[in-house]
Amino acid sequence: MITTKEILCQEKINIDKGFFSGETHLEDVLFFDIETTGLSPGNSRVFLIGIIKKDRDDPFPVLLQFLAEDNTENEEIALLKTFSAFAQKKKYLVHFNGISFDVPYLSHRCRYLGLEQSFSSLCQIDLYRELTRFPGFFSQMPDHKQKSYENLMGYPRTDQLSGKDMINFYQIYVKSNDIKIQNMLFLHNRDDLKGMLSLLPLGYLKNMFSGSFSVREVREIQESALEGYQKRELLFFLEFPFSIPVRLTGVTDLCRISVENSVGKIKMPLYEGTLKYFYPDYQNYYFLPYEDEAIHKSVAIYTDPSRRRKAKASDCYQKYRGTFVSAPGNLSIPVLKESYKSPASYALWPFRDMSPGFLRKYLLEILKYSRPV
């Protein structure tokens, strides 16, 4: 087994939050990536494992790689034992799509070879699965492979090999021991590991959706629509306690979101028209068909009995004409609808409470109920 080591004194590995909880320390985390001679663990082997780790006594993280010198069971066992020894000292495994491939592959090989699986009980942080929670922000990419995310983040990958190329070149290496081919194998795996580090700032999208922002300002704006008319919109300006070093734009059914560095914007449409506020205690109301609204029974006693009837939940409303904005979720403001069974809900704009604190609560509900489109 051949081992390489690189000290990552220039790499920034920030796991304060994002994909990680606030209590996670770098010493608890093991980044890893594997290379195999095939996709099925039943008829192939792992021949290269790379890790990034930091121990408490190390001033910097280190990148370690372990390469099987030949395609034999003994070499594979050495790789798996070495990886397990490092993994058992950690709490988290970080990988890209490792839940679907890397972890089950290694588990299968350990079972087949009669080895312990110290890594199978660790908490898994799969960067691929984490990023697919925000598909609206990555729709401009051709696919959701790691290299596509790296291109988005501007990672300077120098490796040009595919997974299939790695298998072919490893077979050549086993026969030739060519140092140039060995370096190519290490480079591919090393770029996969460092490429993962470049994706870590994207985890701050999780922080935004969980409310890690303040509202700096909100403006009403007008933009030209395709039909030629001017549409009114709200534009919220956000500030983050973190920085995402690329511009990302996400489109949902409720809003359009853009983030760059420590600034964010949320744009939402305003609606003009008439909506209905439905009283929850309809048993205490009468409906006036001619006026097309409900009134409380304490007032209804003064109306002509022929012009009123007991209200139902579906017609116990008061109509409002004005400007409205989407208001999903549980907000402490009156919510209006087009009809009783309408799924969409709205609020009169502007709100009575326009404080930054309330606007933040409002946007949290918007982010909570937004679905990518």
Protein backbone atom coordinates (compact mmCIF):
# COMPACT_ATOMS: atom_id res chain seq x y z
CA MET A 1 0.00 0.00 0.00
CA ILE A 2 1.34 3.39 -1.04
CA THR A 3 0.55 6.41 1.15
CA THR A 4 0.76 10.12 0.31
CA LYS A 5 0.36 13.05 2.67
CA GLU A 6 -0.32 16.74 1.99
CA ILE A 7 -0.64 19.44 4.65
CA LEU A 8 -3.54 21.74 3.79
CA CYS A 9 -2.20 24.93 5.31
CA GLN A 10 -3.79 27.08 2.56
CA GLU A 11 -7.22 25.45 2.56
CA LYS A 12 -10.15 27.04 4.40
CA ILE A 13 -12.39 24.43 5.99
CA ASN A 14 -15.24 26.25 7.71
CA ILE A 15 -17.68 23.91 9.46
CA ASP A 16 -19.05 26.39 11.98
CA LYS A 17 -22.51 25.98 10.43
CA GLY A 18 -23.92 25.35 6.99
CA PHE A 19 -23.97 21.60 6.46
CA PHE A 20 -22.79 21.12 10.04
CA SER A 21 -24.39 21.79 13.40
CA GLY A 22 -23.01 24.57 15.57
CA GLU A 23 -21.37 22.07 17.93
CA THR A 24 -19.28 20.31 15.27
CA HIS A 25 -15.49 20.67 15.37
CA LEU A 26 -13.13 19.93 12.51
CA GLU A 27 -11.41 17.32 14.67
CA ASP A 28 -14.70 15.35 14.69
CA VAL A 29 -14.99 15.19 10.90
CA LEU A 30 -13.52 12.89 8.26
CA PHE A 31 -13.86 13.81 4.58
CA PHE A 32 -13.33 10.85 2.29
CA ASP A 33 -13.60 9.61 -1.29
CA ILE A 34 -12.95 6.20 -2.81
CA GLU A 35 -11.95 4.80 -6.19
CA THR A 36 -13.01 1.31 -7.21
CA THR A 37 -12.45 -1.13 -10.04
CA GLY A 38 -16.20 -1.29 -10.73
CA LEU A 39 -19.62 -0.19 -9.55
CA SER A 40 -20.70 -3.48 -7.98
CA PRO A 41 -18.96 -4.40 -4.71
CA GLY A 42 -19.72 -8.04 -5.46
CA ASN A 43 -17.25 -8.28 -8.32
CA SER A 44 -14.84 -5.35 -7.85
CA ARG A 45 -12.47 -3.87 -5.27
CA VAL A 46 -11.63 -0.51 -3.74
CA PHE A 47 -8.13 0.45 -4.84
CA LEU A 48 -7.74 4.03 -3.59
CA ILE A 49 -9.10 5.84 -0.53
CA GLY A 50 -8.43 9.49 0.20
CA ILE A 51 -9.27 11.32 3.41
CA ILE A 52 -9.00 14.81 4.86
CA LYS A 53 -8.73 14.96 8.63
CA LYS A 54 -7.45 17.12 11.43
CA ASP A 55 -6.37 15.80 14.82
CA ARG A 56 -6.30 17.98 17.90
CA ASP A 57 -2.51 18.07 17.94
CA ASP A 58 -2.24 19.01 14.25
CA PRO A 59 -1.88 22.72 13.42
CA PHE A 60 -3.44 22.14 9.96
CA PRO A 61 -5.69 19.57 8.28
CA VAL A 62 -3.95 16.89 6.24
CA LEU A 63 -4.92 15.03 3.08
CA LEU A 64 -3.94 11.37 3.12
CA GLN A 65 -4.26 8.88 0.25
CA PHE A 66 -3.88 5.11 0.31
CA LEU A 67 -3.33 3.26 -2.98
CA ALA A 68 -3.34 -0.51 -3.45
CA GLU A 69 -0.10 -1.43 -5.21
CA ASP A 70 -1.78 -4.36 -6.88
CA ASN A 71 -5.32 -5.62 -7.36
CA THR A 72 -5.27 -8.23 -4.59
CA GLU A 73 -7.31 -9.03 -1.53
CA ASN A 74 -4.42 -8.36 0.84
CA GLU A 75 -3.89 -4.84 -0.51
CA GLU A 76 -7.61 -4.08 -0.28
CA ILE A 77 -7.70 -5.33 3.31
CA ALA A 78 -4.82 -3.00 4.17
CA LEU A 79 -6.73 -0.05 2.66
CA LEU A 80 -9.94 -0.86 4.52
CA LYS A 81 -8.21 -1.41 7.86
CA THR A 82 -6.34 1.89 7.53
CA PHE A 83 -9.51 3.78 6.66
CA SER A 84 -11.44 2.18 9.53
CA ALA A 85 -8.68 3.10 11.99
CA PHE A 86 -9.03 6.78 11.08
CA ALA A 87 -12.83 6.68 10.91
CA GLN A 88 -13.30 5.17 14.37
CA LYS A 89 -11.73 8.30 15.90
CA LYS A 90 -14.31 10.60 14.28
CA LYS A 91 -18.02 11.40 14.66
CA TYR A 92 -18.95 12.47 11.13
CA LEU A 93 -18.22 11.18 7.65
CA VAL A 94 -18.44 13.77 4.86
CA HIS A 95 -18.72 12.68 1.24
CA PHE A 96 -20.44 13.43 -2.06
CA ASN A 97 -23.20 10.90 -2.82
CA GLY A 98 -21.54 8.53 -0.36
CA ILE A 99 -24.83 7.36 1.12
CA SER A 100 -25.76 5.87 -2.24
CA PHE A 101 -22.34 4.51 -3.23
CA ASP A 102 -19.20 4.93 -1.11
CA VAL A 103 -20.52 3.86 2.30
CA PRO A 104 -22.55 0.81 1.17
CA TYR A 105 -19.69 -0.21 -1.12
CA LEU A 106 -17.16 -0.16 1.72
CA SER A 107 -19.60 -1.91 4.06
CA HIS A 108 -20.11 -4.70 1.57
CA ARG A 109 -16.38 -5.17 1.02
CA CYS A 110 -15.74 -5.27 4.79
CA ARG A 111 -18.43 -7.89 5.29
CA TYR A 112 -17.05 -9.95 2.42
CA LEU A 113 -13.52 -9.76 3.81
CA GLY A 114 -14.58 -10.33 7.44
CA LEU A 115 -13.53 -6.88 8.65
CA GLU A 116 -15.15 -4.62 11.22
CA GLN A 117 -17.11 -1.59 9.97
CA SER A 118 -16.24 1.13 12.43
CA PHE A 119 -17.49 3.78 9.99
CA SER A 120 -21.03 2.47 9.46
CA SER A 121 -22.31 3.92 12.75
CA LEU A 122 -20.96 7.44 12.16
CA CYS A 123 -23.22 10.37 11.28
CA GLN A 124 -23.25 10.93 7.53
CA ILE A 125 -23.10 14.33 5.82
CA ASP A 126 -23.75 13.73 2.15
CA LEU A 127 -23.05 16.97 0.27
CA TYR A 128 -24.94 15.72 -2.78
CA ARG A 129 -28.13 15.07 -0.82
CA GLU A 130 -27.79 18.33 1.06
CA LEU A 131 -27.48 20.34 -2.15
CA THR A 132 -30.41 18.62 -3.87
CA ARG A 133 -32.65 20.18 -1.21
CA PHE A 134 -32.19 23.49 -3.04
CA PRO A 135 -32.72 22.55 -6.71
CA GLY A 136 -34.00 26.00 -7.66
CA PHE A 137 -30.56 27.50 -7.04
CA PHE A 138 -28.72 25.07 -9.30
CA SER A 139 -31.02 24.80 -12.31
CA GLN A 140 -28.41 26.56 -14.50
CA MET A 141 -26.03 23.60 -14.15
CA PRO A 142 -26.05 20.81 -16.78
CA ASP A 143 -26.33 18.17 -14.03
CA HIS A 144 -25.78 17.71 -10.31
CA LYS A 145 -22.43 15.96 -10.45
CA GLN A 146 -19.66 17.11 -8.14
CA LYS A 147 -17.66 18.60 -11.01
CA SER A 148 -20.63 20.78 -12.00
CA TYR A 149 -20.89 22.18 -8.48
CA GLU A 150 -17.12 22.74 -8.50
CA ASN A 151 -17.41 24.70 -11.76
CA LEU A 152 -20.10 26.84 -10.17
CA MET A 153 -17.80 27.57 -7.23
CA GLY A 154 -14.78 28.21 -9.46
CA TYR A 155 -12.72 25.32 -8.12
CA PRO A 156 -9.56 24.98 -10.30
CA ARG A 157 -9.70 21.23 -10.92
CA THR A 158 -6.72 20.03 -12.97
CA ASP A 159 -7.70 16.36 -13.17
CA GLN A 160 -9.41 15.38 -16.42
CA LEU A 161 -10.12 11.70 -15.77
CA SER A 162 -13.56 10.15 -15.48
CA GLY A 163 -14.44 7.27 -13.18
CA LYS A 164 -14.17 4.87 -16.12
CA ASP A 165 -10.75 6.31 -16.97
CA MET A 166 -9.62 5.66 -13.40
CA ILE A 167 -10.46 1.97 -13.70
CA ASN A 168 -8.58 1.64 -16.97
CA PHE A 169 -5.53 3.57 -15.77
CA TYR A 170 -5.39 1.58 -12.52
CA GLN A 171 -5.29 -1.66 -14.52
CA ILE A 172 -2.40 -0.22 -16.53
CA TYR A 173 -0.65 0.93 -13.34
CA VAL A 174 -0.87 -2.51 -11.72
CA LYS A 175 1.02 -3.97 -14.71
CA SER A 176 3.53 -1.14 -15.21
CA ASN A 177 4.04 0.66 -11.87
CA ASP A 178 4.33 3.81 -13.97
CA ILE A 179 4.86 6.76 -11.62
CA LYS A 180 3.11 9.14 -14.04
CA ILE A 181 -0.02 7.02 -13.98
CA GLN A 182 0.24 6.76 -10.21
CA ASN A 183 0.28 10.55 -10.00
CA MET A 184 -2.76 10.75 -12.26
CA LEU A 185 -4.68 8.39 -9.96
CA PHE A 186 -3.73 10.42 -6.89
CA LEU A 187 -4.58 13.69 -8.63
CA HIS A 188 -8.12 12.60 -9.48
CA ASN A 189 -8.83 11.51 -5.93
CA ARG A 190 -7.14 14.60 -4.48
CA ASP A 191 -9.25 16.91 -6.65
CA ASP A 192 -12.39 15.07 -5.55
CA LEU A 193 -11.48 15.70 -1.92
CA LYS A 194 -10.46 19.34 -2.34
CA GLY A 195 -13.45 19.90 -4.60
CA MET A 196 -15.69 18.88 -1.70
CA LEU A 197 -14.13 21.61 0.41
CA SER A 198 -14.98 24.18 -2.27
CA LEU A 199 -18.67 23.28 -1.91
CA LEU A 200 -18.87 23.96 1.82
CA PRO A 201 -19.97 27.63 1.49
CA LEU A 202 -23.12 26.43 -0.32
CA GLY A 203 -24.22 25.00 3.00
CA TYR A 204 -25.01 28.54 4.13
CA LEU A 205 -28.22 28.25 2.10
CA LYS A 206 -29.44 26.07 4.99
CA ASN A 207 -28.65 28.90 7.40
CA MET A 208 -30.66 31.36 5.32
CA PHE A 209 -33.70 29.09 5.20
CA SER A 210 -33.49 28.56 8.96
CA GLY A 211 -33.55 32.32 9.59
CA SER A 212 -29.92 33.36 9.81
CA PHE A 213 -30.49 36.81 8.30
CA SER A 214 -31.70 40.29 9.14
CA VAL A 215 -33.95 42.49 7.00
CA ARG A 216 -32.18 45.68 6.06
CA GLU A 217 -34.86 47.27 3.87
CA VAL A 218 -38.00 46.60 1.82
CA ARG A 219 -39.03 48.55 -1.28
CA GLU A 220 -41.96 48.59 -3.66
CA ILE A 221 -40.77 48.40 -7.26
CA GLN A 222 -42.35 48.21 -10.70
CA GLU A 223 -41.19 46.02 -13.56
CA SER A 224 -42.44 45.60 -17.10
CA ALA A 225 -44.25 42.33 -17.77
CA LEU A 226 -44.32 40.51 -21.09
CA GLU A 227 -47.86 41.73 -21.76
CA GLY A 228 -46.67 45.32 -21.59
CA TYR A 229 -48.16 46.36 -18.27
CA GLN A 230 -46.24 47.39 -15.15
CA LYS A 231 -46.32 44.86 -12.33
CA ARG A 232 -45.75 45.87 -8.73
CA GLU A 233 -43.38 43.84 -6.59
CA LEU A 234 -41.76 43.86 -3.17
CA LEU A 235 -37.99 43.68 -2.88
CA PHE A 236 -36.57 42.69 0.50
CA PHE A 237 -32.86 43.31 1.17
CA LEU A 238 -31.20 40.84 3.55
CA GLU A 239 -27.91 40.73 5.39
CA PHE A 240 -26.19 37.47 6.38
CA PRO A 241 -23.61 36.74 9.08
CA PHE A 242 -21.84 34.54 6.51
CA SER A 243 -20.65 34.83 2.92
CA ILE A 244 -21.46 32.76 -0.19
CA PRO A 245 -18.72 33.72 -2.69
CA VAL A 246 -20.82 33.18 -5.85
CA ARG A 247 -24.08 34.62 -7.10
CA LEU A 248 -26.98 32.18 -6.78
CA THR A 249 -30.56 32.70 -7.87
CA GLY A 250 -33.46 30.50 -6.89
CA VAL A 251 -37.03 30.64 -8.16
CA THR A 252 -39.91 29.29 -6.08
CA ASP A 253 -43.68 29.42 -6.40
CA LEU A 254 -43.81 32.35 -3.96
CA CYS A 255 -40.69 34.39 -4.63
CA ARG A 256 -37.37 34.85 -6.39
CA ILE A 257 -34.26 34.68 -4.20
CA SER A 258 -30.75 35.86 -5.00
CA VAL A 259 -27.69 35.65 -2.77
CA GLU A 260 -24.11 36.81 -3.20
CA ASN A 261 -21.45 37.25 -0.55
CA SER A 262 -23.24 38.46 2.60
CA VAL A 263 -26.23 40.06 0.85
CA GLY A 264 -29.53 38.55 -0.23
CA LYS A 265 -32.65 39.74 -2.04
CA ILE A 266 -36.16 38.30 -2.03
CA LYS A 267 -38.57 39.54 -4.67
CA MET A 268 -42.31 38.91 -4.36
CA PRO A 269 -45.31 39.96 -6.49
CA LEU A 270 -48.02 42.29 -5.21
CA TYR A 271 -51.64 41.68 -6.15
CA GLU A 272 -54.47 44.16 -6.67
CA GLY A 273 -58.11 43.22 -6.24
CA THR A 274 -60.70 42.02 -3.75
CA LEU A 275 -60.22 39.19 -1.27
CA LYS A 276 -62.18 37.80 1.64
CA TYR A 277 -61.40 37.50 5.31
CA PHE A 278 -63.21 34.47 6.80
CA TYR A 279 -64.27 34.74 10.45
CA PRO A 280 -63.30 31.56 12.31
CA ASP A 281 -66.34 31.56 14.65
CA TYR A 282 -69.02 31.51 11.94
CA GLN A 283 -71.63 30.28 14.47
CA ASN A 284 -71.75 33.85 15.85
CA TYR A 285 -72.43 35.48 12.47
CA TYR A 286 -75.23 36.04 9.99
CA PHE A 287 -74.74 36.23 6.25
CA LEU A 288 -76.36 39.09 4.33
CA PRO A 289 -76.84 37.86 0.71
CA TYR A 290 -77.65 41.30 -0.73
CA GLU A 291 -74.61 42.91 0.87
CA ASP A 292 -72.48 39.79 0.20
CA GLU A 293 -70.85 39.81 3.64
CA ALA A 294 -71.26 38.49 7.15
CA ILE A 295 -71.99 40.49 10.30
CA HIS A 296 -71.87 39.55 13.94
CA LYS A 297 -75.14 38.43 15.50
CA SER A 298 -75.00 41.31 17.95
CA VAL A 299 -75.44 43.65 14.99
CA ALA A 300 -77.58 41.36 12.83
CA ILE A 301 -80.54 41.65 15.26
CA TYR A 302 -81.10 45.15 13.89
CA THR A 303 -81.47 43.92 10.30
CA ASP A 304 -84.56 42.59 8.55
CA PRO A 305 -84.79 38.81 9.24
CA SER A 306 -85.72 38.24 5.58
CA ARG A 307 -82.43 39.73 4.49
CA ARG A 308 -80.22 37.51 6.63
CA ARG A 309 -79.53 33.87 7.36
CA LYS A 310 -77.17 32.03 9.65
CA ALA A 311 -73.68 32.05 8.25
CA LYS A 312 -71.78 28.96 7.14
CA ALA A 313 -68.03 28.62 7.27
CA SER A 314 -67.87 29.17 3.52
CA ASP A 315 -69.74 32.50 3.51
CA CYS A 316 -68.75 34.00 6.84
CA TYR A 317 -66.51 36.68 5.39
CA GLN A 318 -65.82 40.34 4.96
CA LYS A 319 -64.47 41.63 1.66
CA TYR A 320 -61.42 43.85 1.35
CA ARG A 321 -60.24 45.70 -1.72
CA GLY A 322 -56.60 46.75 -1.92
CA THR A 323 -53.06 45.50 -2.39
CA PHE A 324 -52.08 42.04 -1.17
CA VAL A 325 -49.02 39.86 -0.77
CA SER A 326 -48.74 36.11 -0.25
CA ALA A 327 -48.99 35.11 3.41
CA PRO A 328 -48.64 31.34 3.95
CA GLY A 329 -48.11 29.59 7.25
CA ASN A 330 -48.94 30.82 10.72
CA LEU A 331 -48.58 34.58 10.88
CA SER A 332 -50.11 36.83 13.51
CA ILE A 333 -51.88 38.92 10.87
CA PRO A 334 -55.33 38.66 9.21
CA VAL A 335 -55.16 36.24 6.28
CA LEU A 336 -57.42 36.63 3.25
CA LYS A 337 -58.43 34.26 0.45
CA GLU A 338 -60.31 34.24 -2.84
CA SER A 339 -62.70 31.59 -1.51
CA TYR A 340 -63.07 29.46 1.59
CA LYS A 341 -61.31 26.42 0.06
CA SER A 342 -58.61 28.35 -1.80
CA PRO A 343 -55.17 26.98 -0.88
CA ALA A 344 -53.43 30.34 -1.38
CA SER A 345 -53.62 32.96 1.36
CA TYR A 346 -52.71 36.66 1.37
CA ALA A 347 -52.32 39.66 3.64
CA LEU A 348 -53.02 43.34 3.12
CA TRP A 349 -49.94 45.33 2.18
CA PRO A 350 -48.38 47.23 3.84
CA PHE A 351 -48.47 45.34 7.12
CA ARG A 352 -49.48 47.14 10.28
CA ASP A 353 -46.18 46.04 11.81
CA MET A 354 -43.32 46.97 9.47
CA SER A 355 -40.53 46.42 11.99
CA PRO A 356 -37.44 44.45 10.85
CA GLY A 357 -38.29 41.78 13.41
CA PHE A 358 -41.75 41.14 12.02
CA LEU A 359 -40.54 41.29 8.41
CA ARG A 360 -37.97 38.63 9.26
CA LYS A 361 -40.70 36.40 10.74
CA TYR A 362 -42.78 36.94 7.63
CA LEU A 363 -39.93 35.97 5.29
CA LEU A 364 -39.21 32.88 7.39
CA GLU A 365 -42.74 31.69 6.61
CA ILE A 366 -42.26 32.50 2.94
CA LEU A 367 -39.03 30.45 2.83
CA LYS A 368 -40.63 27.64 4.81
CA TYR A 369 -43.54 27.24 2.39
CA SER A 370 -41.71 28.00 -0.85
CA ARG A 371 -41.41 25.17 -3.34
CA PRO A 372 -38.90 25.20 -6.22
CA VAL A 373 -40.28 25.64 -9.72
